């Protein structure tokens, strides 16, 4: 159960990365200047999600959870930060 929770969050993070890449392609902000950075980000994202699933299928539950947490933990922290900002309505000045 722990793995699937982490993997689900990692897949949401990967979907957000792919969404921003697609929007960047459509509006022109992803260009030949920064395409290498985007390709690296996409490769790492897909390697983490695919690699964690491969490790899970190979019977390495702990390693799979650890690899999935590479994307899941920062994603959960960012979501928690956004929720806190929306609920507390802080003053930024």
PDB file of N, CA and C in Angstrom:
ATOM      1  N   UNK A   1       0.821  -1.198   0.000  1.00  0.00           N
ATOM      2  CA  UNK A   1       0.000   0.000   0.000  1.00  0.00           C
ATOM      3  C   UNK A   1       0.860   1.256   0.000  1.00  0.00           C
ATOM      4  N   UNK A   2       1.970   1.222   0.757  1.00  0.00           N
ATOM      5  CA  UNK A   2       2.842   2.394   0.816  1.00  0.00           C
ATOM      6  C   UNK A   2       3.420   2.711  -0.552  1.00  0.00           C
ATOM      7  N   UNK A   3       3.831   1.673  -1.281  1.00  0.00           N
ATOM      8  CA  UNK A   3       4.403   1.903  -2.600  1.00  0.00           C
ATOM      9  C   UNK A   3       3.393   2.535  -3.538  1.00  0.00           C
ATOM     10  N   UNK A   4       2.173   2.001  -3.558  1.00  0.00           N
ATOM     11  CA  UNK A   4       1.190   2.506  -4.505  1.00  0.00           C
ATOM     12  C   UNK A   4       0.799   3.942  -4.190  1.00  0.00           C
ATOM     13  N   UNK A   5       0.784   4.321  -2.934  1.00  0.00           N
ATOM     14  CA  UNK A   5       0.506   5.714  -2.577  1.00  0.00           C
ATOM     15  C   UNK A   5       1.614   6.629  -3.090  1.00  0.00           C
ATOM     16  N   UNK A   6       2.850   6.226  -2.839  1.00  0.00           N
ATOM     17  CA  UNK A   6       3.972   7.026  -3.319  1.00  0.00           C
ATOM     18  C   UNK A   6       4.009   7.070  -4.842  1.00  0.00           C
ATOM     19  N   UNK A   7       3.721   5.947  -5.478  1.00  0.00           N
ATOM     20  CA  UNK A   7       3.772   5.884  -6.932  1.00  0.00           C
ATOM     21  C   UNK A   7       2.671   6.720  -7.550  1.00  0.00           C
ATOM     22  N   UNK A   8       1.492   6.738  -6.932  1.00  0.00           N
ATOM     23  CA  UNK A   8       0.391   7.565  -7.421  1.00  0.00           C
ATOM     24  C   UNK A   8       0.752   9.040  -7.356  1.00  0.00           C
ATOM     25  N   UNK A   9       1.350   9.475  -6.265  1.00  0.00           N
ATOM     26  CA  UNK A   9       1.772  10.870  -6.140  1.00  0.00           C
ATOM     27  C   UNK A   9       2.875  11.182  -7.150  1.00  0.00           C
ATOM     28  N   UNK A  10       3.804  10.245  -7.337  1.00  0.00           N
ATOM     29  CA  UNK A  10       4.866  10.444  -8.331  1.00  0.00           C
ATOM     30  C   UNK A  10       4.288  10.545  -9.737  1.00  0.00           C
ATOM     31  N   UNK A  11       3.249   9.780 -10.032  1.00  0.00           N
ATOM     32  CA  UNK A  11       2.614   9.875 -11.351  1.00  0.00           C
ATOM     33  C   UNK A  11       1.896  11.204 -11.528  1.00  0.00           C
ATOM     34  N   UNK A  12       1.316  11.737 -10.473  1.00  0.00           N
ATOM     35  CA  UNK A  12       0.696  13.064 -10.558  1.00  0.00           C
ATOM     36  C   UNK A  12       1.763  14.115 -10.838  1.00  0.00           C
ATOM     37  N   UNK A  13       2.904  14.022 -10.162  1.00  0.00           N
ATOM     38  CA  UNK A  13       4.006  14.954 -10.406  1.00  0.00           C
ATOM     39  C   UNK A  13       4.499  14.822 -11.849  1.00  0.00           C
ATOM     40  N   UNK A  14       4.617  13.594 -12.334  1.00  0.00           N
ATOM     41  CA  UNK A  14       5.046  13.375 -13.715  1.00  0.00           C
ATOM     42  C   UNK A  14       4.038  13.950 -14.697  1.00  0.00           C
ATOM     43  N   UNK A  15       2.752  13.811 -14.409  1.00  0.00           N
ATOM     44  CA  UNK A  15       1.728  14.379 -15.283  1.00  0.00           C
ATOM     45  C   UNK A  15       1.804  15.901 -15.306  1.00  0.00           C
ATOM     46  N   UNK A  16       2.108  16.511 -14.175  1.00  0.00           N
ATOM     47  CA  UNK A  16       2.256  17.967 -14.123  1.00  0.00           C
ATOM     48  C   UNK A  16       3.462  18.406 -14.947  1.00  0.00           C
ATOM     49  N   UNK A  17       4.557  17.666 -14.871  1.00  0.00           N
ATOM     50  CA  UNK A  17       5.751  17.985 -15.660  1.00  0.00           C
ATOM     51  C   UNK A  17       5.439  17.887 -17.155  1.00  0.00           C
ATOM     52  N   UNK A  18       4.754  16.822 -17.556  1.00  0.00           N
ATOM     53  CA  UNK A  18       4.399  16.653 -18.962  1.00  0.00           C
ATOM     54  C   UNK A  18       3.445  17.752 -19.407  1.00  0.00           C
ATOM     55  N   UNK A  19       2.506  18.147 -18.546  1.00  0.00           N
ATOM     56  CA  UNK A  19       1.588  19.236 -18.873  1.00  0.00           C
ATOM     57  C   UNK A  19       2.348  20.538 -19.122  1.00  0.00           C
ATOM     58  N   UNK A  20       3.264  20.893 -18.224  1.00  0.00           N
ATOM     59  CA  UNK A  20       4.022  22.130 -18.410  1.00  0.00           C
ATOM     60  C   UNK A  20       4.902  22.066 -19.655  1.00  0.00           C
ATOM     61  N   UNK A  21       5.422  20.885 -19.974  1.00  0.00           N
ATOM     62  CA  UNK A  21       6.207  20.728 -21.190  1.00  0.00           C
ATOM     63  C   UNK A  21       5.327  20.943 -22.421  1.00  0.00           C
ATOM     64  N   UNK A  22       4.140  20.368 -22.430  1.00  0.00           N
ATOM     65  CA  UNK A  22       3.235  20.523 -23.568  1.00  0.00           C
ATOM     66  C   UNK A  22       2.785  21.971 -23.727  1.00  0.00           C
ATOM     67  N   UNK A  23       2.489  22.635 -22.634  1.00  0.00           N
ATOM     68  CA  UNK A  23       2.100  24.046 -22.703  1.00  0.00           C
ATOM     69  C   UNK A  23       3.275  24.882 -23.195  1.00  0.00           C
ATOM     70  N   UNK A  24       4.469  24.565 -22.744  1.00  0.00           N
ATOM     71  CA  UNK A  24       5.653  25.286 -23.200  1.00  0.00           C
ATOM     72  C   UNK A  24       5.918  25.084 -24.680  1.00  0.00           C
ATOM     73  N   UNK A  25       5.651  23.884 -25.175  1.00  0.00           N
ATOM     74  CA  UNK A  25       5.790  23.656 -26.617  1.00  0.00           C
ATOM     75  C   UNK A  25       4.771  24.459 -27.407  1.00  0.00           C
ATOM     76  N   UNK A  26       3.557  24.545 -26.892  1.00  0.00           N
ATOM     77  CA  UNK A  26       2.509  25.238 -27.637  1.00  0.00           C
ATOM     78  C   UNK A  26       2.687  26.754 -27.635  1.00  0.00           C
ATOM     79  N   UNK A  27       3.195  27.316 -26.546  1.00  0.00           N
ATOM     80  CA  UNK A  27       3.347  28.775 -26.527  1.00  0.00           C
ATOM     81  C   UNK A  27       4.752  29.247 -26.882  1.00  0.00           C
ATOM     82  N   UNK A  28       5.657  28.329 -27.141  1.00  0.00           N
ATOM     83  CA  UNK A  28       6.977  28.700 -27.619  1.00  0.00           C
ATOM     84  C   UNK A  28       8.029  28.929 -26.558  1.00  0.00           C
ATOM     85  N   UNK A  29       7.705  28.721 -25.291  1.00  0.00           N
ATOM     86  CA  UNK A  29       8.716  28.932 -24.255  1.00  0.00           C
ATOM     87  C   UNK A  29       9.694  27.770 -24.163  1.00  0.00           C
ATOM     88  N   UNK A  30       9.321  26.602 -24.657  1.00  0.00           N
ATOM     89  CA  UNK A  30      10.270  25.497 -24.790  1.00  0.00           C
ATOM     90  C   UNK A  30      10.849  25.604 -26.194  1.00  0.00           C
ATOM     91  N   UNK A  31      12.111  25.981 -26.253  1.00  0.00           N
ATOM     92  CA  UNK A  31      12.751  26.201 -27.546  1.00  0.00           C
ATOM     93  C   UNK A  31      14.048  25.396 -27.600  1.00  0.00           C
ATOM     94  N   UNK A  32      14.788  25.582 -28.659  1.00  0.00           N
ATOM     95  CA  UNK A  32      16.055  24.857 -28.787  1.00  0.00           C
ATOM     96  C   UNK A  32      17.052  25.289 -27.719  1.00  0.00           C
ATOM     97  N   UNK A  33      16.859  26.478 -27.156  1.00  0.00           N
ATOM     98  CA  UNK A  33      17.753  26.973 -26.117  1.00  0.00           C
ATOM     99  C   UNK A  33      17.655  26.136 -24.846  1.00  0.00           C
ATOM    100  N   UNK A  34      16.436  25.777 -24.454  1.00  0.00           N
ATOM    101  CA  UNK A  34      16.256  25.044 -23.202  1.00  0.00           C
ATOM    102  C   UNK A  34      15.681  23.645 -23.401  1.00  0.00           C
ATOM    103  N   UNK A  35      15.683  23.151 -24.616  1.00  0.00           N
ATOM    104  CA  UNK A  35      15.135  21.823 -24.882  1.00  0.00           C
ATOM    105  C   UNK A  35      15.943  20.731 -24.186  1.00  0.00           C
ATOM    106  N   UNK A  36      17.251  20.894 -24.090  1.00  0.00           N
ATOM    107  CA  UNK A  36      18.082  19.911 -23.403  1.00  0.00           C
ATOM    108  C   UNK A  36      17.720  19.771 -21.931  1.00  0.00           C
ATOM    109  N   UNK A  37      17.423  20.887 -21.277  1.00  0.00           N
ATOM    110  CA  UNK A  37      17.003  20.835 -19.877  1.00  0.00           C
ATOM    111  C   UNK A  37      15.664  20.127 -19.730  1.00  0.00           C
ATOM    112  N   UNK A  38      14.745  20.417 -20.642  1.00  0.00           N
ATOM    113  CA  UNK A  38      13.438  19.763 -20.585  1.00  0.00           C
ATOM    114  C   UNK A  38      13.554  18.271 -20.836  1.00  0.00           C
ATOM    115  N   UNK A  39      14.383  17.884 -21.782  1.00  0.00           N
ATOM    116  CA  UNK A  39      14.565  16.459 -22.054  1.00  0.00           C
ATOM    117  C   UNK A  39      15.153  15.761 -20.830  1.00  0.00           C
ATOM    118  N   UNK A  40      16.110  16.394 -20.164  1.00  0.00           N
ATOM    119  CA  UNK A  40      16.694  15.805 -18.957  1.00  0.00           C
ATOM    120  C   UNK A  40      15.649  15.671 -17.854  1.00  0.00           C
ATOM    121  N   UNK A  41      14.823  16.694 -17.667  1.00  0.00           N
ATOM    122  CA  UNK A  41      13.773  16.641 -16.647  1.00  0.00           C
ATOM    123  C   UNK A  41      12.783  15.530 -16.955  1.00  0.00           C
ATOM    124  N   UNK A  42      12.371  15.433 -18.221  1.00  0.00           N
ATOM    125  CA  UNK A  42      11.422  14.389 -18.605  1.00  0.00           C
ATOM    126  C   UNK A  42      12.020  12.997 -18.460  1.00  0.00           C
ATOM    127  N   UNK A  43      13.293  12.833 -18.825  1.00  0.00           N
ATOM    128  CA  UNK A  43      13.936  11.529 -18.693  1.00  0.00           C
ATOM    129  C   UNK A  43      14.051  11.096 -17.236  1.00  0.00           C
ATOM    130  N   UNK A  44      14.414  12.018 -16.358  1.00  0.00           N
ATOM    131  CA  UNK A  44      14.519  11.683 -14.935  1.00  0.00           C
ATOM    132  C   UNK A  44      13.143  11.348 -14.371  1.00  0.00           C
ATOM    133  N   UNK A  45      12.140  12.113 -14.769  1.00  0.00           N
ATOM    134  CA  UNK A  45      10.787  11.859 -14.289  1.00  0.00           C
ATOM    135  C   UNK A  45      10.301  10.477 -14.719  1.00  0.00           C
ATOM    136  N   UNK A  46      10.499  10.150 -16.003  1.00  0.00           N
ATOM    137  CA  UNK A  46      10.065   8.845 -16.484  1.00  0.00           C
ATOM    138  C   UNK A  46      10.927   7.719 -15.922  1.00  0.00           C
ATOM    139  N   UNK A  47      12.202   7.970 -15.688  1.00  0.00           N
ATOM    140  CA  UNK A  47      13.072   6.954 -15.104  1.00  0.00           C
ATOM    141  C   UNK A  47      12.652   6.635 -13.669  1.00  0.00           C
ATOM    142  N   UNK A  48      12.271   7.649 -12.921  1.00  0.00           N
ATOM    143  CA  UNK A  48      11.854   7.420 -11.533  1.00  0.00           C
ATOM    144  C   UNK A  48      10.544   6.652 -11.495  1.00  0.00           C
ATOM    145  N   UNK A  49       9.563   7.075 -12.281  1.00  0.00           N
ATOM    146  CA  UNK A  49       8.275   6.381 -12.235  1.00  0.00           C
ATOM    147  C   UNK A  49       8.374   4.974 -12.824  1.00  0.00           C
ATOM    148  N   UNK A  50       9.029   4.839 -13.959  1.00  0.00           N
ATOM    149  CA  UNK A  50       9.178   3.524 -14.568  1.00  0.00           C
ATOM    150  C   UNK A  50      10.103   2.614 -13.782  1.00  0.00           C
ATOM    151  N   UNK A  51      11.192   3.184 -13.268  1.00  0.00           N
ATOM    152  CA  UNK A  51      12.133   2.390 -12.487  1.00  0.00           C
ATOM    153  C   UNK A  51      11.542   1.895 -11.187  1.00  0.00           C
ATOM    154  N   UNK A  52      10.744   2.712 -10.546  1.00  0.00           N
ATOM    155  CA  UNK A  52      10.116   2.262  -9.302  1.00  0.00           C
ATOM    156  C   UNK A  52       9.102   1.155  -9.574  1.00  0.00           C
ATOM    157  N   UNK A  53       8.364   1.275 -10.661  1.00  0.00           N
ATOM    158  CA  UNK A  53       7.421   0.210 -11.012  1.00  0.00           C
ATOM    159  C   UNK A  53       8.161  -1.081 -11.374  1.00  0.00           C
ATOM    160  N   UNK A  54       9.267  -0.956 -12.089  1.00  0.00           N
ATOM    161  CA  UNK A  54      10.068  -2.126 -12.447  1.00  0.00           C
ATOM    162  C   UNK A  54      10.632  -2.811 -11.197  1.00  0.00           C
ATOM    163  N   UNK A  55      11.112  -2.000 -10.241  1.00  0.00           N
ATOM    164  CA  UNK A  55      11.612  -2.569  -8.992  1.00  0.00           C
ATOM    165  C   UNK A  55      10.497  -3.256  -8.211  1.00  0.00           C
ATOM    166  N   UNK A  56       9.312  -2.694  -8.216  1.00  0.00           N
ATOM    167  CA  UNK A  56       8.177  -3.315  -7.523  1.00  0.00           C
ATOM    168  C   UNK A  56       7.841  -4.661  -8.157  1.00  0.00           C
ATOM    169  N   UNK A  57       7.832  -4.701  -9.494  1.00  0.00           N
ATOM    170  CA  UNK A  57       7.531  -5.955 -10.177  1.00  0.00           C
ATOM    171  C   UNK A  57       8.641  -6.991 -10.004  1.00  0.00           C
ATOM    172  N   UNK A  58       9.865  -6.530  -9.759  1.00  0.00           N
ATOM    173  CA  UNK A  58      10.984  -7.439  -9.534  1.00  0.00           C
ATOM    174  C   UNK A  58      11.045  -7.933  -8.085  1.00  0.00           C
ATOM    175  N   UNK A  59      10.132  -7.453  -7.235  1.00  0.00           N
ATOM    176  CA  UNK A  59      10.081  -7.932  -5.857  1.00  0.00           C
ATOM    177  C   UNK A  59      10.893  -7.118  -4.878  1.00  0.00           C
ATOM    178  N   UNK A  60      11.354  -5.970  -5.269  1.00  0.00           N
ATOM    179  CA  UNK A  60      12.151  -5.109  -4.387  1.00  0.00           C
ATOM    180  C   UNK A  60      11.277  -3.957  -3.876  1.00  0.00           C
ATOM    181  N   UNK A  61      10.411  -4.271  -2.944  1.00  0.00           N
ATOM    182  CA  UNK A  61       9.420  -3.325  -2.432  1.00  0.00           C
ATOM    183  C   UNK A  61      10.066  -2.094  -1.791  1.00  0.00           C
ATOM    184  N   UNK A  62      11.071  -2.294  -0.964  1.00  0.00           N
ATOM    185  CA  UNK A  62      11.710  -1.168  -0.273  1.00  0.00           C
ATOM    186  C   UNK A  62      12.408  -0.223  -1.229  1.00  0.00           C
ATOM    187  N   UNK A  63      13.168  -0.775  -2.159  1.00  0.00           N
ATOM    188  CA  UNK A  63      13.851   0.072  -3.135  1.00  0.00           C
ATOM    189  C   UNK A  63      12.862   0.796  -4.030  1.00  0.00           C
ATOM    190  N   UNK A  64      11.784   0.120  -4.397  1.00  0.00           N
ATOM    191  CA  UNK A  64      10.767   0.737  -5.237  1.00  0.00           C
ATOM    192  C   UNK A  64      10.120   1.925  -4.525  1.00  0.00           C
ATOM    193  N   UNK A  65       9.834   1.768  -3.251  1.00  0.00           N
ATOM    194  CA  UNK A  65       9.260   2.869  -2.482  1.00  0.00           C
ATOM    195  C   UNK A  65      10.247   4.023  -2.346  1.00  0.00           C
ATOM    196  N   UNK A  66      11.507   3.691  -2.164  1.00  0.00           N
ATOM    197  CA  UNK A  66      12.529   4.729  -2.045  1.00  0.00           C
ATOM    198  C   UNK A  66      12.665   5.521  -3.341  1.00  0.00           C
ATOM    199  N   UNK A  67      12.675   4.831  -4.468  1.00  0.00           N
ATOM    200  CA  UNK A  67      12.793   5.514  -5.763  1.00  0.00           C
ATOM    201  C   UNK A  67      11.546   6.346  -6.042  1.00  0.00           C
ATOM    202  N   UNK A  68      10.369   5.823  -5.738  1.00  0.00           N
ATOM    203  CA  UNK A  68       9.129   6.577  -5.960  1.00  0.00           C
ATOM    204  C   UNK A  68       9.066   7.812  -5.068  1.00  0.00           C
ATOM    205  N   UNK A  69       9.671   7.742  -3.903  1.00  0.00           N
ATOM    206  CA  UNK A  69       9.635   8.884  -2.995  1.00  0.00           C
ATOM    207  C   UNK A  69      10.499  10.050  -3.475  1.00  0.00           C
ATOM    208  N   UNK A  70      11.380   9.809  -4.450  1.00  0.00           N
ATOM    209  CA  UNK A  70      12.191  10.898  -5.010  1.00  0.00           C
ATOM    210  C   UNK A  70      11.295  11.968  -5.632  1.00  0.00           C
ATOM    211  N   UNK A  71      10.216  11.573  -6.266  1.00  0.00           N
ATOM    212  CA  UNK A  71       9.256  12.536  -6.805  1.00  0.00           C
ATOM    213  C   UNK A  71       8.103  12.804  -5.846  1.00  0.00           C
ATOM    214  N   UNK A  72       7.705  11.808  -5.085  1.00  0.00           N
ATOM    215  CA  UNK A  72       6.506  11.938  -4.258  1.00  0.00           C
ATOM    216  C   UNK A  72       6.697  12.891  -3.079  1.00  0.00           C
ATOM    217  N   UNK A  73       7.821  12.813  -2.415  1.00  0.00           N
ATOM    218  CA  UNK A  73       8.021  13.648  -1.224  1.00  0.00           C
ATOM    219  C   UNK A  73       8.082  15.135  -1.579  1.00  0.00           C
ATOM    220  N   UNK A  74       8.878  15.562  -2.566  1.00  0.00           N
ATOM    221  CA  UNK A  74       8.827  16.989  -2.932  1.00  0.00           C
ATOM    222  C   UNK A  74       7.455  17.413  -3.456  1.00  0.00           C
ATOM    223  N   UNK A  75       6.766  16.516  -4.159  1.00  0.00           N
ATOM    224  CA  UNK A  75       5.427  16.839  -4.642  1.00  0.00           C
ATOM    225  C   UNK A  75       4.445  17.044  -3.507  1.00  0.00           C
ATOM    226  N   UNK A  76       4.516  16.186  -2.499  1.00  0.00           N
ATOM    227  CA  UNK A  76       3.639  16.343  -1.337  1.00  0.00           C
ATOM    228  C   UNK A  76       3.984  17.603  -0.543  1.00  0.00           C
ATOM    229  N   UNK A  77       5.257  17.905  -0.410  1.00  0.00           N
ATOM    230  CA  UNK A  77       5.649  19.129   0.298  1.00  0.00           C
ATOM    231  C   UNK A  77       5.186  20.375  -0.438  1.00  0.00           C
ATOM    232  N   UNK A  78       5.286  20.376  -1.767  1.00  0.00           N
ATOM    233  CA  UNK A  78       4.809  21.515  -2.555  1.00  0.00           C
ATOM    234  C   UNK A  78       3.296  21.655  -2.439  1.00  0.00           C
ATOM    235  N   UNK A  79       2.577  20.541  -2.459  1.00  0.00           N
ATOM    236  CA  UNK A  79       1.121  20.591  -2.305  1.00  0.00           C
ATOM    237  C   UNK A  79       0.734  21.095  -0.920  1.00  0.00           C
ATOM    238  N   UNK A  80       1.452  20.651   0.097  1.00  0.00           N
ATOM    239  CA  UNK A  80       1.186  21.118   1.454  1.00  0.00           C
ATOM    240  C   UNK A  80       1.442  22.615   1.574  1.00  0.00           C
ATOM    241  N   UNK A  81       2.503  23.098   0.942  1.00  0.00           N
ATOM    242  CA  UNK A  81       2.799  24.532   0.954  1.00  0.00           C
ATOM    243  C   UNK A  81       1.684  25.323   0.264  1.00  0.00           C
ATOM    244  N   UNK A  82       1.232  24.855  -0.888  1.00  0.00           N
ATOM    245  CA  UNK A  82       0.161  25.556  -1.604  1.00  0.00           C
ATOM    246  C   UNK A  82      -1.134  25.562  -0.805  1.00  0.00           C
ATOM    247  N   UNK A  83      -1.445  24.464  -0.153  1.00  0.00           N
ATOM    248  CA  UNK A  83      -2.648  24.409   0.672  1.00  0.00           C
ATOM    249  C   UNK A  83      -2.528  25.379   1.847  1.00  0.00           C
ATOM    250  N   UNK A  84      -1.357  25.430   2.461  1.00  0.00           N
ATOM    251  CA  UNK A  84      -1.146  26.350   3.584  1.00  0.00           C
ATOM    252  C   UNK A  84      -1.266  27.798   3.136  1.00  0.00           C
ATOM    253  N   UNK A  85      -0.746  28.118   1.960  1.00  0.00           N
ATOM    254  CA  UNK A  85      -0.851  29.487   1.447  1.00  0.00           C
ATOM    255  C   UNK A  85      -2.309  29.830   1.161  1.00  0.00           C
ATOM    256  N   UNK A  86      -3.047  28.904   0.590  1.00  0.00           N
ATOM    257  CA  UNK A  86      -4.450  29.177   0.278  1.00  0.00           C
ATOM    258  C   UNK A  86      -5.304  29.323   1.539  1.00  0.00           C
ATOM    259  N   UNK A  87      -5.012  28.524   2.556  1.00  0.00           N
ATOM    260  CA  UNK A  87      -5.834  28.582   3.765  1.00  0.00           C
ATOM    261  C   UNK A  87      -5.475  29.723   4.699  1.00  0.00           C
ATOM    262  N   UNK A  88      -4.207  30.084   4.788  1.00  0.00           N
ATOM    263  CA  UNK A  88      -3.807  31.112   5.758  1.00  0.00           C
ATOM    264  C   UNK A  88      -3.811  32.527   5.187  1.00  0.00           C
ATOM    265  N   UNK A  89      -3.802  32.657   3.863  1.00  0.00           N
ATOM    266  CA  UNK A  89      -3.801  33.957   3.198  1.00  0.00           C
ATOM    267  C   UNK A  89      -2.741  34.884   3.801  1.00  0.00           C
ATOM    268  N   UNK A  90      -1.460  34.515   3.658  1.00  0.00           N
ATOM    269  CA  UNK A  90      -0.386  35.289   4.316  1.00  0.00           C
ATOM    270  C   UNK A  90      -0.147  36.638   3.651  1.00  0.00           C
ATOM    271  N   UNK A  91       0.470  37.520   4.404  1.00  0.00           N
ATOM    272  CA  UNK A  91       0.911  38.807   3.849  1.00  0.00           C
ATOM    273  C   UNK A  91       2.362  38.649   3.451  1.00  0.00           C
ATOM    274  N   UNK A  92       2.689  38.920   2.197  1.00  0.00           N
ATOM    275  CA  UNK A  92       4.024  38.681   1.660  1.00  0.00           C
ATOM    276  C   UNK A  92       4.914  39.916   1.728  1.00  0.00           C
ATOM    277  N   UNK A  93       4.438  41.040   2.233  1.00  0.00           N
ATOM    278  CA  UNK A  93       5.270  42.237   2.244  1.00  0.00           C
ATOM    279  C   UNK A  93       6.129  42.308   3.448  1.00  0.00           C
TER     280      UNK A  93
END
